[in-house]
Amino acid sequence: LTDQKSEHLGNTVQKATARFGGRLWEAWFTSDIPFSDGP
């Protein structure tokens, strides 16, 4: 998790990074919608 924040679809989103499947991923998630899920 990082402290970097932004906005997407009117929701405050926070940046997180991870290595998965041979790639480095940058994710933006919102704790306003408390589902630990994604695409």
All heavy atoms as atom14 arrays in JSON, in Angstrom:
{
  "sequence": "LTDQKSEHLGNTVQKATARFGGRLWEAWFTSDIPFSDGP",
  "atom14_mask": [
    [1, 1, 1, 1, 1, 1, 1, 1, 0, 0, 0, 0, 0, 0],
    [1, 1, 1, 1, 1, 1, 1, 0, 0, 0, 0, 0, 0, 0],
    [1, 1, 1, 1, 1, 1, 1, 1, 0, 0, 0, 0, 0, 0],
    [1, 1, 1, 1, 1, 1, 1, 1, 1, 0, 0, 0, 0, 0],
    [1, 1, 1, 1, 1, 1, 1, 1, 1, 0, 0, 0, 0, 0],
    [1, 1, 1, 1, 1, 1, 0, 0, 0, 0, 0, 0, 0, 0],
    [1, 1, 1, 1, 1, 1, 1, 1, 1, 0, 0, 0, 0, 0],
    [1, 1, 1, 1, 1, 1, 1, 1, 1, 1, 0, 0, 0, 0],
    [1, 1, 1, 1, 1, 1, 1, 1, 0, 0, 0, 0, 0, 0],
    [1, 1, 1, 1, 0, 0, 0, 0, 0, 0, 0, 0, 0, 0],
    [1, 1, 1, 1, 1, 1, 1, 1, 0, 0, 0, 0, 0, 0],
    [1, 1, 1, 1, 1, 1, 1, 0, 0, 0, 0, 0, 0, 0],
    [1, 1, 1, 1, 1, 1, 1, 0, 0, 0, 0, 0, 0, 0],
    [1, 1, 1, 1, 1, 1, 1, 1, 1, 0, 0, 0, 0, 0],
    [1, 1, 1, 1, 1, 1, 1, 1, 1, 0, 0, 0, 0, 0],
    [1, 1, 1, 1, 1, 0, 0, 0, 0, 0, 0, 0, 0, 0],
    [1, 1, 1, 1, 1, 1, 1, 0, 0, 0, 0, 0, 0, 0],
    [1, 1, 1, 1, 1, 0, 0, 0, 0, 0, 0, 0, 0, 0],
    [1, 1, 1, 1, 1, 1, 1, 1, 1, 1, 1, 0, 0, 0],
    [1, 1, 1, 1, 1, 1, 1, 1, 1, 1, 1, 0, 0, 0],
    [1, 1, 1, 1, 0, 0, 0, 0, 0, 0, 0, 0, 0, 0],
    [1, 1, 1, 1, 0, 0, 0, 0, 0, 0, 0, 0, 0, 0],
    [1, 1, 1, 1, 1, 1, 1, 1, 1, 1, 1, 0, 0, 0],
    [1, 1, 1, 1, 1, 1, 1, 1, 0, 0, 0, 0, 0, 0],
    [1, 1, 1, 1, 1, 1, 1, 1, 1, 1, 1, 1, 1, 1],
    [1, 1, 1, 1, 1, 1, 1, 1, 1, 0, 0, 0, 0, 0],
    [1, 1, 1, 1, 1, 0, 0, 0, 0, 0, 0, 0, 0, 0],
    [1, 1, 1, 1, 1, 1, 1, 1, 1, 1, 1, 1, 1, 1],
    [1, 1, 1, 1, 1, 1, 1, 1, 1, 1, 1, 0, 0, 0],
    [1, 1, 1, 1, 1, 1, 1, 0, 0, 0, 0, 0, 0, 0],
    [1, 1, 1, 1, 1, 1, 0, 0, 0, 0, 0, 0, 0, 0],
    [1, 1, 1, 1, 1, 1, 1, 1, 0, 0, 0, 0, 0, 0],
    [1, 1, 1, 1, 1, 1, 1, 1, 0, 0, 0, 0, 0, 0],
    [1, 1, 1, 1, 1, 1, 1, 0, 0, 0, 0, 0, 0, 0],
    [1, 1, 1, 1, 1, 1, 1, 1, 1, 1, 1, 0, 0, 0],
    [1, 1, 1, 1, 1, 1, 0, 0, 0, 0, 0, 0, 0, 0],
    [1, 1, 1, 1, 1, 1, 1, 1, 0, 0, 0, 0, 0, 0],
    [1, 1, 1, 1, 0, 0, 0, 0, 0, 0, 0, 0, 0, 0],
    [1, 1, 1, 1, 1, 1, 1, 0, 0, 0, 0, 0, 0, 0]
  ],
  "atom14_positions": [
    [[0.83, -1.2, 0.0], [0.0, 0.0, 0.0], [0.87, 1.25, 0.0], [1.95, 1.28, 0.6], [-0.92, 0.01, 1.22], [-1.87, -1.18, 1.4], [-2.78, -0.93, 2.61], [-2.7, -1.41, 0.16], [0.0, 0.0, 0.0], [0.0, 0.0, 0.0], [0.0, 0.0, 0.0], [0.0, 0.0, 0.0], [0.0, 0.0, 0.0], [0.0, 0.0, 0.0]],
    [[0.4, 2.28, -0.67], [1.09, 3.57, -0.66], [0.14, 4.62, -0.06], [-1.03, 4.35, 0.17], [1.49, 4.0, -2.09], [0.31, 4.44, -2.8], [2.16, 2.86, -2.84], [0.0, 0.0, 0.0], [0.0, 0.0, 0.0], [0.0, 0.0, 0.0], [0.0, 0.0, 0.0], [0.0, 0.0, 0.0], [0.0, 0.0, 0.0], [0.0, 0.0, 0.0]],
    [[0.67, 5.81, 0.17], [-0.15, 6.91, 0.68], [-0.75, 7.74, -0.45], [-1.5, 8.68, -0.2], [0.7, 7.82, 1.58], [1.15, 7.1, 2.83], [0.4, 6.23, 3.31], [2.25, 7.4, 3.33], [0.0, 0.0, 0.0], [0.0, 0.0, 0.0], [0.0, 0.0, 0.0], [0.0, 0.0, 0.0], [0.0, 0.0, 0.0], [0.0, 0.0, 0.0]],
    [[-0.42, 7.39, -1.69], [-0.88, 8.18, -2.83], [-2.38, 7.96, -3.06], [-2.86, 6.83, -3.08], [-0.1, 7.8, -4.09], [-0.34, 8.71, -5.27], [0.59, 8.4, -6.44], [1.58, 7.69, -6.27], [0.28, 8.92, -7.61], [0.0, 0.0, 0.0], [0.0, 0.0, 0.0], [0.0, 0.0, 0.0], [0.0, 0.0, 0.0], [0.0, 0.0, 0.0]],
    [[-3.11, 9.06, -3.24], [-4.56, 8.99, -3.44], [-4.97, 9.8, -4.66], [-4.28, 10.7, -5.11], [-5.3, 9.46, -2.19], [-5.08, 8.56, -0.98], [-5.95, 8.95, 0.18], [-5.75, 7.98, 1.36], [-6.62, 8.34, 2.51], [0.0, 0.0, 0.0], [0.0, 0.0, 0.0], [0.0, 0.0, 0.0], [0.0, 0.0, 0.0], [0.0, 0.0, 0.0]],
    [[-6.14, 9.43, -5.17], [-6.7, 10.11, -6.33], [-8.22, 9.95, -6.27], [-8.78, 9.67, -5.2], [-6.11, 9.53, -7.62], [-6.57, 10.26, -8.75], [0.0, 0.0, 0.0], [0.0, 0.0, 0.0], [0.0, 0.0, 0.0], [0.0, 0.0, 0.0], [0.0, 0.0, 0.0], [0.0, 0.0, 0.0], [0.0, 0.0, 0.0], [0.0, 0.0, 0.0]],
    [[-8.88, 10.12, -7.41], [-10.34, 9.98, -7.46], [-10.72, 9.25, -8.73], [-10.12, 9.43, -9.8], [-11.0, 11.36, -7.42], [-12.52, 11.29, -7.31], [-13.17, 12.65, -7.15], [-12.86, 13.32, -6.14], [-13.96, 13.03, -8.03], [0.0, 0.0, 0.0], [0.0, 0.0, 0.0], [0.0, 0.0, 0.0], [0.0, 0.0, 0.0], [0.0, 0.0, 0.0]],
    [[-11.72, 8.36, -8.61], [-12.22, 7.63, -9.77], [-13.71, 7.39, -9.58], [-14.13, 6.86, -8.54], [-11.47, 6.3, -9.93], [-11.76, 5.6, -11.24], [-11.01, 5.85, -12.38], [-12.69, 4.69, -11.6], [-11.47, 5.11, -13.36], [-12.51, 4.39, -12.92], [0.0, 0.0, 0.0], [0.0, 0.0, 0.0], [0.0, 0.0, 0.0], [0.0, 0.0, 0.0]],
    [[-14.51, 7.8, -10.55], [-15.97, 7.69, -10.48], [-16.54, 8.32, -9.2], [-17.49, 7.8, -8.62], [-16.4, 6.22, -10.58], [-16.18, 5.51, -11.92], [-16.66, 4.07, -11.83], [-16.91, 6.24, -13.05], [0.0, 0.0, 0.0], [0.0, 0.0, 0.0], [0.0, 0.0, 0.0], [0.0, 0.0, 0.0], [0.0, 0.0, 0.0], [0.0, 0.0, 0.0]],
    [[-15.93, 9.42, -8.78], [-16.41, 10.12, -7.61], [-16.0, 9.49, -6.29], [-16.44, 9.95, -5.22], [0.0, 0.0, 0.0], [0.0, 0.0, 0.0], [0.0, 0.0, 0.0], [0.0, 0.0, 0.0], [0.0, 0.0, 0.0], [0.0, 0.0, 0.0], [0.0, 0.0, 0.0], [0.0, 0.0, 0.0], [0.0, 0.0, 0.0], [0.0, 0.0, 0.0]],
    [[-15.18, 8.46, -6.33], [-14.71, 7.79, -5.12], [-13.23, 8.08, -4.89], [-12.43, 8.11, -5.84], [-14.89, 6.27, -5.24], [-16.34, 5.87, -5.34], [-17.06, 5.79, -4.36], [-16.79, 5.61, -6.58], [0.0, 0.0, 0.0], [0.0, 0.0, 0.0], [0.0, 0.0, 0.0], [0.0, 0.0, 0.0], [0.0, 0.0, 0.0], [0.0, 0.0, 0.0]],
    [[-12.85, 8.29, -3.65], [-11.44, 8.43, -3.31], [-10.77, 7.06, -3.44], [-11.25, 6.06, -2.9], [-11.26, 8.94, -1.88], [-11.88, 10.23, -1.77], [-9.79, 9.04, -1.52], [0.0, 0.0, 0.0], [0.0, 0.0, 0.0], [0.0, 0.0, 0.0], [0.0, 0.0, 0.0], [0.0, 0.0, 0.0], [0.0, 0.0, 0.0], [0.0, 0.0, 0.0]],
    [[-9.69, 7.01, -4.19], [-8.98, 5.75, -4.41], [-7.54, 5.88, -3.92], [-6.95, 6.97, -3.95], [-8.99, 5.34, -5.9], [-10.38, 4.92, -6.33], [-8.47, 6.45, -6.81], [0.0, 0.0, 0.0], [0.0, 0.0, 0.0], [0.0, 0.0, 0.0], [0.0, 0.0, 0.0], [0.0, 0.0, 0.0], [0.0, 0.0, 0.0], [0.0, 0.0, 0.0]],
    [[-6.99, 4.77, -3.48], [-5.63, 4.7, -2.95], [-4.81, 3.74, -3.8], [-5.32, 2.71, -4.26], [-5.67, 4.22, -1.49], [-4.3, 4.18, -0.81], [-4.42, 3.78, 0.66], [-5.52, 3.78, 1.23], [-3.31, 3.45, 1.28], [0.0, 0.0, 0.0], [0.0, 0.0, 0.0], [0.0, 0.0, 0.0], [0.0, 0.0, 0.0], [0.0, 0.0, 0.0]],
    [[-3.55, 4.05, -3.98], [-2.69, 3.27, -4.84], [-2.03, 2.12, -4.08], [-1.61, 2.27, -2.93], [-1.6, 4.16, -5.45], [-0.63, 3.44, -6.38], [0.41, 4.42, -6.92], [1.46, 3.72, -7.76], [2.48, 4.68, -8.27], [0.0, 0.0, 0.0], [0.0, 0.0, 0.0], [0.0, 0.0, 0.0], [0.0, 0.0, 0.0], [0.0, 0.0, 0.0]],
    [[-1.96, 0.97, -4.74], [-1.23, -0.19, -4.23], [-0.51, -0.83, -5.4], [-0.93, -0.73, -6.56], [-2.18, -1.19, -3.58], [0.0, 0.0, 0.0], [0.0, 0.0, 0.0], [0.0, 0.0, 0.0], [0.0, 0.0, 0.0], [0.0, 0.0, 0.0], [0.0, 0.0, 0.0], [0.0, 0.0, 0.0], [0.0, 0.0, 0.0], [0.0, 0.0, 0.0]],
    [[0.6, -1.49, -5.11], [1.38, -2.14, -6.17], [1.66, -3.6, -5.78], [1.66, -3.95, -4.6], [2.72, -1.41, -6.42], [3.5, -1.44, -5.22], [2.48, 0.04, -6.84], [0.0, 0.0, 0.0], [0.0, 0.0, 0.0], [0.0, 0.0, 0.0], [0.0, 0.0, 0.0], [0.0, 0.0, 0.0], [0.0, 0.0, 0.0], [0.0, 0.0, 0.0]],
    [[1.91, -4.39, -6.8], [2.22, -5.81, -6.56], [2.8, -6.41, -7.82], [2.53, -5.94, -8.94], [0.97, -6.58, -6.13], [0.0, 0.0, 0.0], [0.0, 0.0, 0.0], [0.0, 0.0, 0.0], [0.0, 0.0, 0.0], [0.0, 0.0, 0.0], [0.0, 0.0, 0.0], [0.0, 0.0, 0.0], [0.0, 0.0, 0.0], [0.0, 0.0, 0.0]],
    [[3.58, -7.46, -7.63], [4.05, -8.26, -8.76], [3.18, -9.51, -8.83], [2.98, -10.2, -7.83], [5.52, -8.65, -8.59], [6.46, -7.46, -8.74], [7.92, -7.87, -8.93], [8.75, -6.71, -9.22], [8.93, -6.2, -10.43], [8.34, -6.77, -11.48], [9.7, -5.13, -10.61], [0.0, 0.0, 0.0], [0.0, 0.0, 0.0], [0.0, 0.0, 0.0]],
    [[2.67, -9.76, -10.03], [1.79, -10.91, -10.22], [1.86, -11.36, -11.68], [1.75, -10.53, -12.59], [0.34, -10.55, -9.85], [-0.64, -11.65, -10.14], [-0.67, -12.8, -9.37], [-1.55, -11.53, -11.19], [-1.57, -13.82, -9.63], [-2.46, -12.53, -11.45], [-2.47, -13.68, -10.68], [0.0, 0.0, 0.0], [0.0, 0.0, 0.0], [0.0, 0.0, 0.0]],
    [[2.07, -12.65, -11.87], [2.08, -13.2, -13.22], [3.18, -12.66, -14.1], [3.0, -12.56, -15.32], [0.0, 0.0, 0.0], [0.0, 0.0, 0.0], [0.0, 0.0, 0.0], [0.0, 0.0, 0.0], [0.0, 0.0, 0.0], [0.0, 0.0, 0.0], [0.0, 0.0, 0.0], [0.0, 0.0, 0.0], [0.0, 0.0, 0.0], [0.0, 0.0, 0.0]],
    [[4.3, -12.27, -13.51], [5.41, -11.76, -14.31], [5.29, -10.29, -14.67], [6.08, -9.79, -15.47], [0.0, 0.0, 0.0], [0.0, 0.0, 0.0], [0.0, 0.0, 0.0], [0.0, 0.0, 0.0], [0.0, 0.0, 0.0], [0.0, 0.0, 0.0], [0.0, 0.0, 0.0], [0.0, 0.0, 0.0], [0.0, 0.0, 0.0], [0.0, 0.0, 0.0]],
    [[4.34, -9.59, -14.08], [4.17, -8.16, -14.35], [4.12, -7.38, -13.03], [3.75, -7.92, -11.99], [2.86, -7.91, -15.12], [2.78, -8.55, -16.49], [1.46, -8.2, -17.16], [1.24, -8.89, -18.41], [1.69, -8.47, -19.59], [2.35, -7.33, -19.68], [1.44, -9.16, -20.69], [0.0, 0.0, 0.0], [0.0, 0.0, 0.0], [0.0, 0.0, 0.0]],
    [[4.47, -6.1, -13.11], [4.3, -5.18, -12.0], [2.99, -4.44, -12.2], [2.78, -3.8, -13.24], [5.47, -4.18, -11.94], [5.36, -3.08, -10.87], [5.31, -3.69, -9.47], [6.51, -2.1, -10.99], [0.0, 0.0, 0.0], [0.0, 0.0, 0.0], [0.0, 0.0, 0.0], [0.0, 0.0, 0.0], [0.0, 0.0, 0.0], [0.0, 0.0, 0.0]],
    [[2.1, -4.54, -11.21], [0.77, -3.96, -11.32], [0.59, -2.77, -10.39], [1.11, -2.76, -9.27], [-0.3, -5.01, -10.99], [-0.35, -6.12, -11.99], [0.32, -7.31, -11.93], [-1.11, -6.15, -13.2], [0.03, -8.08, -13.02], [-0.84, -7.39, -13.83], [-1.99, -5.26, -13.81], [-1.43, -7.76, -15.04], [-2.57, -5.61, -15.02], [-2.29, -6.84, -15.62]],
    [[-0.15, -1.78, -10.87], [-0.52, -0.6, -10.1], [-2.05, -0.58, -9.99], [-2.75, -0.51, -11.0], [-0.03, 0.66, -10.8], [-0.5, 1.97, -10.19], [-0.13, 3.15, -11.06], [1.09, 3.4, -11.22], [-1.05, 3.82, -11.59], [0.0, 0.0, 0.0], [0.0, 0.0, 0.0], [0.0, 0.0, 0.0], [0.0, 0.0, 0.0], [0.0, 0.0, 0.0]],
    [[-2.54, -0.7, -8.77], [-3.98, -0.76, -8.54], [-4.44, 0.46, -7.77], [-3.72, 0.98, -6.91], [-4.34, -2.04, -7.77], [0.0, 0.0, 0.0], [0.0, 0.0, 0.0], [0.0, 0.0, 0.0], [0.0, 0.0, 0.0], [0.0, 0.0, 0.0], [0.0, 0.0, 0.0], [0.0, 0.0, 0.0], [0.0, 0.0, 0.0], [0.0, 0.0, 0.0]],
    [[-5.67, 0.9, -8.07], [-6.3, 1.99, -7.34], [-7.62, 1.45, -6.78], [-8.52, 1.09, -7.53], [-6.56, 3.18, -8.26], [-5.29, 3.82, -8.74], [-4.54, 3.49, -9.83], [-4.59, 4.9, -8.1], [-3.44, 4.29, -9.93], [-3.44, 5.18, -8.88], [-4.83, 5.67, -6.96], [-2.54, 6.17, -8.56], [-3.93, 6.68, -6.63], [-2.8, 6.92, -7.43]],
    [[-7.71, 1.38, -5.45], [-8.87, 0.8, -4.8], [-9.54, 1.85, -3.91], [-8.93, 2.83, -3.49], [-8.48, -0.41, -3.96], [-7.67, -0.08, -2.73], [-8.28, 0.11, -1.5], [-6.28, 0.08, -2.81], [-7.54, 0.44, -0.37], [-5.54, 0.41, -1.69], [-6.16, 0.58, -0.45], [0.0, 0.0, 0.0], [0.0, 0.0, 0.0], [0.0, 0.0, 0.0]],
    [[-10.8, 1.6, -3.61], [-11.54, 2.5, -2.73], [-12.08, 1.73, -1.53], [-12.79, 0.74, -1.68], [-12.69, 3.22, -3.46], [-13.41, 4.02, -2.52], [-13.65, 2.22, -4.11], [0.0, 0.0, 0.0], [0.0, 0.0, 0.0], [0.0, 0.0, 0.0], [0.0, 0.0, 0.0], [0.0, 0.0, 0.0], [0.0, 0.0, 0.0], [0.0, 0.0, 0.0]],
    [[-11.76, 2.21, -0.35], [-12.3, 1.6, 0.87], [-13.75, 2.05, 1.12], [-14.41, 1.53, 2.01], [-11.43, 1.96, 2.08], [-11.29, 3.37, 2.2], [0.0, 0.0, 0.0], [0.0, 0.0, 0.0], [0.0, 0.0, 0.0], [0.0, 0.0, 0.0], [0.0, 0.0, 0.0], [0.0, 0.0, 0.0], [0.0, 0.0, 0.0], [0.0, 0.0, 0.0]],
    [[-14.24, 3.0, 0.3], [-15.63, 3.42, 0.4], [-16.58, 2.3, -0.05], [-17.76, 2.31, 0.32], [-15.89, 4.67, -0.47], [-15.1, 5.88, 0.02], [-14.75, 5.9, 1.21], [-14.84, 6.78, -0.81], [0.0, 0.0, 0.0], [0.0, 0.0, 0.0], [0.0, 0.0, 0.0], [0.0, 0.0, 0.0], [0.0, 0.0, 0.0], [0.0, 0.0, 0.0]],
    [[-16.07, 1.38, -0.87], [-16.86, 0.23, -1.32], [-16.15, -1.02, -0.78], [-15.19, -1.51, -1.36], [-16.96, 0.18, -2.85], [-17.51, 1.51, -3.38], [-17.86, -0.98, -3.3], [-17.59, 1.61, -4.88], [0.0, 0.0, 0.0], [0.0, 0.0, 0.0], [0.0, 0.0, 0.0], [0.0, 0.0, 0.0], [0.0, 0.0, 0.0], [0.0, 0.0, 0.0]],
    [[-16.57, -1.51, 0.39], [-15.79, -2.5, 1.14], [-15.91, -3.93, 0.62], [-16.25, -4.86, 1.36], [-16.37, -2.37, 2.56], [-17.8, -2.0, 2.32], [-17.81, -1.12, 1.1], [0.0, 0.0, 0.0], [0.0, 0.0, 0.0], [0.0, 0.0, 0.0], [0.0, 0.0, 0.0], [0.0, 0.0, 0.0], [0.0, 0.0, 0.0], [0.0, 0.0, 0.0]],
    [[-15.61, -4.1, -0.67], [-15.52, -5.45, -1.24], [-14.08, -5.68, -1.66], [-13.54, -4.92, -2.48], [-16.45, -5.59, -2.46], [-17.91, -5.56, -2.13], [-18.62, -4.36, -2.22], [-18.57, -6.7, -1.73], [-19.97, -4.32, -1.92], [-19.94, -6.66, -1.43], [-20.63, -5.47, -1.52], [0.0, 0.0, 0.0], [0.0, 0.0, 0.0], [0.0, 0.0, 0.0]],
    [[-13.45, -6.71, -1.1], [-12.04, -6.98, -1.4], [-11.95, -7.75, -2.71], [-11.65, -8.95, -2.75], [-11.4, -7.79, -0.27], [-10.04, -8.03, -0.53], [0.0, 0.0, 0.0], [0.0, 0.0, 0.0], [0.0, 0.0, 0.0], [0.0, 0.0, 0.0], [0.0, 0.0, 0.0], [0.0, 0.0, 0.0], [0.0, 0.0, 0.0], [0.0, 0.0, 0.0]],
    [[-12.23, -7.04, -3.8], [-12.36, -7.7, -5.1], [-11.9, -6.75, -6.2], [-11.59, -5.59, -5.95], [-13.81, -8.14, -5.32], [-13.94, -9.33, -6.26], [-12.95, -9.68, -6.93], [-15.04, -9.91, -6.33], [0.0, 0.0, 0.0], [0.0, 0.0, 0.0], [0.0, 0.0, 0.0], [0.0, 0.0, 0.0], [0.0, 0.0, 0.0], [0.0, 0.0, 0.0]],
    [[-11.89, -7.26, -7.42], [-11.48, -6.46, -8.56], [-11.6, -7.28, -9.83], [-12.06, -8.43, -9.81], [0.0, 0.0, 0.0], [0.0, 0.0, 0.0], [0.0, 0.0, 0.0], [0.0, 0.0, 0.0], [0.0, 0.0, 0.0], [0.0, 0.0, 0.0], [0.0, 0.0, 0.0], [0.0, 0.0, 0.0], [0.0, 0.0, 0.0], [0.0, 0.0, 0.0]],
    [[-11.18, -6.72, -10.96], [-11.3, -7.45, -12.23], [-10.31, -8.61, -12.3], [-9.36, -8.69, -11.51], [-10.95, -6.37, -13.27], [-10.05, -5.43, -12.54], [-10.57, -5.4, -11.13], [0.0, 0.0, 0.0], [0.0, 0.0, 0.0], [0.0, 0.0, 0.0], [0.0, 0.0, 0.0], [0.0, 0.0, 0.0], [0.0, 0.0, 0.0], [0.0, 0.0, 0.0]]
  ]
}
